[in-house]
Amino acid sequence: MAKESMKAREVKRKKLVDKYAEKRAKLKAEGDYIGLSKLPRNSSKVRLHNRCSLTGRPKGYMRQFGLSRITFREMASAGLIPGIKKASW
């Protein structure tokens, strides 16, 4: 389980990325790198970190499902993910 402060930090970064997305794209298209450097650092999309939507775990993240590998395995074993069968784990 991730700390609540870490989850909150990711939410805050996501809001900043959304807020500055258009401005950042415009500055990049113009080639204004000085203007880009004046924007907040956390407004860059690169600063976002993928986290499991249920537990907040940052490692072992599976993009297709939005879950960590551990949560995915638990849900698949319980039959909560349609189309996934337990094969050989």
Protein backbone atom coordinates (compact mmCIF):
# COMPACT_ATOMS: atom_id res chain seq x y z
CA MET A 1 0.00 0.00 0.00
CA ALA A 2 1.39 3.37 -0.95
CA LYS A 3 1.45 6.25 1.48
CA GLU A 4 -1.43 8.68 1.17
CA SER A 5 1.06 11.54 0.75
CA MET A 6 2.60 9.83 -2.29
CA LYS A 7 -0.82 9.29 -3.86
CA ALA A 8 -1.71 12.93 -3.20
CA ARG A 9 1.54 14.09 -4.79
CA GLU A 10 0.71 12.14 -7.96
CA VAL A 11 -2.78 13.66 -8.08
CA LYS A 12 -1.28 17.14 -7.72
CA ARG A 13 1.18 16.46 -10.56
CA LYS A 14 -1.63 15.16 -12.79
CA LYS A 15 -3.56 18.40 -12.28
CA LEU A 16 -0.48 20.48 -13.16
CA VAL A 17 0.13 18.43 -16.33
CA ASP A 18 -3.48 18.93 -17.42
CA LYS A 19 -3.36 22.64 -16.63
CA TYR A 20 -0.21 23.37 -18.64
CA ALA A 21 -0.62 20.85 -21.49
CA GLU A 22 -1.81 23.35 -24.11
CA LYS A 23 0.70 26.03 -23.13
CA ARG A 24 3.53 23.49 -23.15
CA ALA A 25 2.53 22.19 -26.63
CA LYS A 26 2.35 25.74 -27.99
CA LEU A 27 5.80 26.66 -26.63
CA LYS A 28 7.30 23.45 -28.01
CA ALA A 29 5.83 24.11 -31.46
CA GLU A 30 7.33 27.61 -31.44
CA GLY A 31 10.68 26.31 -30.21
CA ASP A 32 10.59 28.64 -27.20
CA TYR A 33 12.72 26.63 -24.80
CA ILE A 34 13.29 29.59 -22.49
CA GLY A 35 9.53 29.85 -22.00
CA LEU A 36 9.36 26.10 -21.38
CA SER A 37 12.03 26.34 -18.70
CA LYS A 38 9.95 28.94 -16.83
CA LEU A 39 7.00 26.55 -16.45
CA PRO A 40 6.78 24.47 -13.26
CA ARG A 41 8.88 21.30 -13.48
CA ASN A 42 6.02 19.08 -12.35
CA SER A 43 3.91 20.28 -15.27
CA SER A 44 5.89 17.97 -17.56
CA LYS A 45 4.17 14.71 -18.50
CA VAL A 46 7.45 12.88 -17.95
CA ARG A 47 7.20 13.54 -14.21
CA LEU A 48 4.05 11.43 -13.84
CA HIS A 49 4.45 7.96 -12.36
CA ASN A 50 2.09 5.10 -13.12
CA ARG A 51 0.45 3.66 -10.01
CA CYS A 52 -1.98 0.83 -9.36
CA SER A 53 -5.51 2.24 -9.23
CA LEU A 54 -6.43 0.10 -6.19
CA THR A 55 -3.33 -0.05 -4.02
CA GLY A 56 -1.21 2.83 -5.32
CA ARG A 57 1.79 0.54 -5.82
CA PRO A 58 4.27 2.13 -8.27
CA LYS A 59 6.21 -1.00 -9.24
CA GLY A 60 5.03 -3.87 -11.40
CA TYR A 61 2.41 -1.69 -13.11
CA MET A 62 0.46 -3.17 -16.04
CA ARG A 63 -0.77 -0.38 -18.35
CA GLN A 64 -3.44 -2.44 -20.08
CA PHE A 65 -5.28 -3.01 -16.81
CA GLY A 66 -4.12 -0.07 -14.70
CA LEU A 67 -3.16 -2.47 -11.90
CA SER A 68 0.01 -3.73 -10.26
CA ARG A 69 1.03 -7.31 -11.00
CA ILE A 70 0.09 -8.45 -7.49
CA THR A 71 -3.41 -6.95 -7.60
CA PHE A 72 -3.87 -8.29 -11.13
CA ARG A 73 -2.95 -11.80 -10.00
CA GLU A 74 -5.31 -11.68 -7.00
CA MET A 75 -8.21 -10.42 -9.12
CA ALA A 76 -7.55 -12.96 -11.90
CA SER A 77 -7.48 -15.81 -9.38
CA ALA A 78 -10.78 -14.63 -7.93
CA GLY A 79 -12.29 -14.45 -11.44
CA LEU A 80 -12.86 -10.69 -11.30
CA ILE A 81 -11.11 -9.92 -14.61
CA PRO A 82 -13.12 -11.25 -17.59
CA GLY A 83 -11.21 -13.20 -20.22
CA ILE A 84 -8.28 -14.07 -17.96
CA LYS A 85 -7.71 -17.69 -16.99
CA LYS A 86 -5.24 -18.98 -14.46
CA ALA A 87 -2.74 -20.87 -16.58
CA SER A 88 0.46 -21.80 -14.79
CA TRP A 89 1.24 -19.41 -12.01
